Amino acid sequence: MNHRERLSATGDRILDHAGVTQVYGDPVTHDGKTIVPAQR
């Protein structure tokens, strides 16, 4: 595997695990207000 393929494979793995809910968590609604956690 050359450097370009290795870098591409690493980027693909990062994208698979770095979704919005992984970074921010699920929104929580309470009393008509929605809170989006900034860190999980």
PDB file of N, CA and C in Angstrom:
ATOM      1  N   MET A   1       0.864  -1.177   0.000  1.00  0.00           N
ATOM      2  CA  MET A   1       0.000   0.000   0.000  1.00  0.00           C
ATOM      3  C   MET A   1       0.908   1.237   0.000  1.00  0.00           C
ATOM      4  N   ASN A   2       0.691   2.148  -0.958  1.00  0.00           N
ATOM      5  CA  ASN A   2       1.527   3.348  -1.011  1.00  0.00           C
ATOM      6  C   ASN A   2       0.973   4.424  -0.058  1.00  0.00           C
ATOM      7  N   HIS A   3       1.691   5.528   0.037  1.00  0.00           N
ATOM      8  CA  HIS A   3       1.317   6.587   0.975  1.00  0.00           C
ATOM      9  C   HIS A   3      -0.060   7.177   0.674  1.00  0.00           C
ATOM     10  N   ARG A   4      -0.353   7.360  -0.593  1.00  0.00           N
ATOM     11  CA  ARG A   4      -1.639   7.949  -0.976  1.00  0.00           C
ATOM     12  C   ARG A   4      -2.795   7.027  -0.583  1.00  0.00           C
ATOM     13  N   GLU A   5      -2.650   5.737  -0.830  1.00  0.00           N
ATOM     14  CA  GLU A   5      -3.699   4.774  -0.458  1.00  0.00           C
ATOM     15  C   GLU A   5      -3.868   4.707   1.051  1.00  0.00           C
ATOM     16  N   ARG A   6      -2.752   4.735   1.758  1.00  0.00           N
ATOM     17  CA  ARG A   6      -2.799   4.686   3.225  1.00  0.00           C
ATOM     18  C   ARG A   6      -3.488   5.926   3.792  1.00  0.00           C
ATOM     19  N   LEU A   7      -3.165   7.092   3.243  1.00  0.00           N
ATOM     20  CA  LEU A   7      -3.790   8.335   3.681  1.00  0.00           C
ATOM     21  C   LEU A   7      -5.282   8.327   3.374  1.00  0.00           C
ATOM     22  N   SER A   8      -5.645   7.848   2.211  1.00  0.00           N
ATOM     23  CA  SER A   8      -7.049   7.766   1.836  1.00  0.00           C
ATOM     24  C   SER A   8      -7.809   6.823   2.762  1.00  0.00           C
ATOM     25  N   ALA A   9      -7.231   5.692   3.088  1.00  0.00           N
ATOM     26  CA  ALA A   9      -7.876   4.726   3.988  1.00  0.00           C
ATOM     27  C   ALA A   9      -8.049   5.324   5.380  1.00  0.00           C
ATOM     28  N   THR A  10      -7.037   6.065   5.839  1.00  0.00           N
ATOM     29  CA  THR A  10      -7.129   6.712   7.152  1.00  0.00           C
ATOM     30  C   THR A  10      -8.235   7.763   7.151  1.00  0.00           C
ATOM     31  N   GLY A  11      -8.299   8.561   6.094  1.00  0.00           N
ATOM     32  CA  GLY A  11      -9.357   9.573   5.983  1.00  0.00           C
ATOM     33  C   GLY A  11     -10.737   8.942   5.968  1.00  0.00           C
ATOM     34  N   ASP A  12     -10.882   7.842   5.274  1.00  0.00           N
ATOM     35  CA  ASP A  12     -12.178   7.146   5.243  1.00  0.00           C
ATOM     36  C   ASP A  12     -12.580   6.668   6.630  1.00  0.00           C
ATOM     37  N   ARG A  13     -11.634   6.151   7.394  1.00  0.00           N
ATOM     38  CA  ARG A  13     -11.937   5.681   8.756  1.00  0.00           C
ATOM     39  C   ARG A  13     -12.349   6.844   9.652  1.00  0.00           C
ATOM     40  N   ILE A  14     -11.675   7.973   9.501  1.00  0.00           N
ATOM     41  CA  ILE A  14     -12.015   9.149  10.304  1.00  0.00           C
ATOM     42  C   ILE A  14     -13.428   9.618   9.976  1.00  0.00           C
ATOM     43  N   LEU A  15     -13.754   9.693   8.692  1.00  0.00           N
ATOM     44  CA  LEU A  15     -15.092  10.132   8.297  1.00  0.00           C
ATOM     45  C   LEU A  15     -16.170   9.187   8.791  1.00  0.00           C
ATOM     46  N   ASP A  16     -15.882   7.895   8.836  1.00  0.00           N
ATOM     47  CA  ASP A  16     -16.852   6.923   9.330  1.00  0.00           C
ATOM     48  C   ASP A  16     -17.164   7.139  10.805  1.00  0.00           C
ATOM     49  N   HIS A  17     -16.205   7.651  11.571  1.00  0.00           N
ATOM     50  CA  HIS A  17     -16.376   7.778  13.014  1.00  0.00           C
ATOM     51  C   HIS A  17     -16.596   9.213  13.484  1.00  0.00           C
ATOM     52  N   ALA A  18     -16.585  10.170  12.597  1.00  0.00           N
ATOM     53  CA  ALA A  18     -16.659  11.567  13.009  1.00  0.00           C
ATOM     54  C   ALA A  18     -17.965  12.218  12.575  1.00  0.00           C
ATOM     55  N   GLY A  19     -19.060  11.534  12.743  1.00  0.00           N
ATOM     56  CA  GLY A  19     -20.361  12.099  12.400  1.00  0.00           C
ATOM     57  C   GLY A  19     -20.777  13.189  13.366  1.00  0.00           C
ATOM     58  N   VAL A  20     -21.796  13.912  13.030  1.00  0.00           N
ATOM     59  CA  VAL A  20     -22.278  15.021  13.851  1.00  0.00           C
ATOM     60  C   VAL A  20     -22.655  14.557  15.246  1.00  0.00           C
ATOM     61  N   THR A  21     -23.342  13.416  15.367  1.00  0.00           N
ATOM     62  CA  THR A  21     -23.741  12.970  16.704  1.00  0.00           C
ATOM     63  C   THR A  21     -22.549  12.519  17.529  1.00  0.00           C
ATOM     64  N   GLN A  22     -21.465  12.121  16.899  1.00  0.00           N
ATOM     65  CA  GLN A  22     -20.268  11.763  17.648  1.00  0.00           C
ATOM     66  C   GLN A  22     -19.619  13.000  18.263  1.00  0.00           C
ATOM     67  N   VAL A  23     -19.668  14.115  17.544  1.00  0.00           N
ATOM     68  CA  VAL A  23     -19.030  15.337  18.013  1.00  0.00           C
ATOM     69  C   VAL A  23     -19.932  16.106  18.958  1.00  0.00           C
ATOM     70  N   TYR A  24     -21.212  16.222  18.620  1.00  0.00           N
ATOM     71  CA  TYR A  24     -22.123  17.056  19.389  1.00  0.00           C
ATOM     72  C   TYR A  24     -23.110  16.285  20.259  1.00  0.00           C
ATOM     73  N   GLY A  25     -23.352  15.040  19.980  1.00  0.00           N
ATOM     74  CA  GLY A  25     -24.357  14.291  20.727  1.00  0.00           C
ATOM     75  C   GLY A  25     -25.742  14.549  20.173  1.00  0.00           C
ATOM     76  N   ASP A  26     -26.709  13.852  20.706  1.00  0.00           N
ATOM     77  CA  ASP A  26     -28.079  13.992  20.235  1.00  0.00           C
ATOM     78  C   ASP A  26     -28.747  15.199  20.877  1.00  0.00           C
ATOM     79  N   PRO A  27     -29.545  15.955  20.112  1.00  0.00           N
ATOM     80  CA  PRO A  27     -30.280  17.084  20.688  1.00  0.00           C
ATOM     81  C   PRO A  27     -31.279  16.594  21.731  1.00  0.00           C
ATOM     82  N   VAL A  28     -31.466  17.392  22.768  1.00  0.00           N
ATOM     83  CA  VAL A  28     -32.401  17.075  23.841  1.00  0.00           C
ATOM     84  C   VAL A  28     -33.455  18.169  23.882  1.00  0.00           C
ATOM     85  N   THR A  29     -34.728  17.780  23.848  1.00  0.00           N
ATOM     86  CA  THR A  29     -35.816  18.748  23.919  1.00  0.00           C
ATOM     87  C   THR A  29     -36.488  18.644  25.279  1.00  0.00           C
ATOM     88  N   HIS A  30     -36.651  19.805  25.936  1.00  0.00           N
ATOM     89  CA  HIS A  30     -37.277  19.848  27.257  1.00  0.00           C
ATOM     90  C   HIS A  30     -37.992  21.185  27.398  1.00  0.00           C
ATOM     91  N   ASP A  31     -39.236  21.136  27.816  1.00  0.00           N
ATOM     92  CA  ASP A  31     -40.055  22.351  27.990  1.00  0.00           C
ATOM     93  C   ASP A  31     -40.059  23.239  26.751  1.00  0.00           C
ATOM     94  N   GLY A  32     -40.125  22.624  25.584  1.00  0.00           N
ATOM     95  CA  GLY A  32     -40.222  23.376  24.337  1.00  0.00           C
ATOM     96  C   GLY A  32     -38.902  23.954  23.844  1.00  0.00           C
ATOM     97  N   LYS A  33     -37.807  23.663  24.524  1.00  0.00           N
ATOM     98  CA  LYS A  33     -36.498  24.156  24.092  1.00  0.00           C
ATOM     99  C   LYS A  33     -35.628  22.968  23.719  1.00  0.00           C
ATOM    100  N   THR A  34     -34.815  23.157  22.686  1.00  0.00           N
ATOM    101  CA  THR A  34     -33.908  22.096  22.231  1.00  0.00           C
ATOM    102  C   THR A  34     -32.478  22.505  22.574  1.00  0.00           C
ATOM    103  N   ILE A  35     -31.782  21.588  23.201  1.00  0.00           N
ATOM    104  CA  ILE A  35     -30.384  21.817  23.589  1.00  0.00           C
ATOM    105  C   ILE A  35     -29.529  20.824  22.824  1.00  0.00           C
ATOM    106  N   VAL A  36     -28.481  21.336  22.174  1.00  0.00           N
ATOM    107  CA  VAL A  36     -27.540  20.485  21.447  1.00  0.00           C
ATOM    108  C   VAL A  36     -26.244  20.456  22.246  1.00  0.00           C
ATOM    109  N   PRO A  37     -25.881  19.311  22.816  1.00  0.00           N
ATOM    110  CA  PRO A  37     -24.645  19.234  23.581  1.00  0.00           C
ATOM    111  C   PRO A  37     -23.428  19.592  22.725  1.00  0.00           C
ATOM    112  N   ALA A  38     -22.509  20.370  23.266  1.00  0.00           N
ATOM    113  CA  ALA A  38     -21.339  20.801  22.518  1.00  0.00           C
ATOM    114  C   ALA A  38     -20.215  19.791  22.578  1.00  0.00           C
ATOM    115  N   GLN A  39     -20.249  18.893  23.546  1.00  0.00           N
ATOM    116  CA  GLN A  39     -19.223  17.880  23.661  1.00  0.00           C
ATOM    117  C   GLN A  39     -19.853  16.647  24.264  1.00  0.00           C
ATOM    118  N   ARG A  40     -19.411  15.498  23.795  1.00  0.00           N
ATOM    119  CA  ARG A  40     -20.003  14.264  24.285  1.00  0.00           C
ATOM    120  C   ARG A  40     -19.068  13.561  25.227  1.00  0.00           C
TER     121      ARG A  40
END
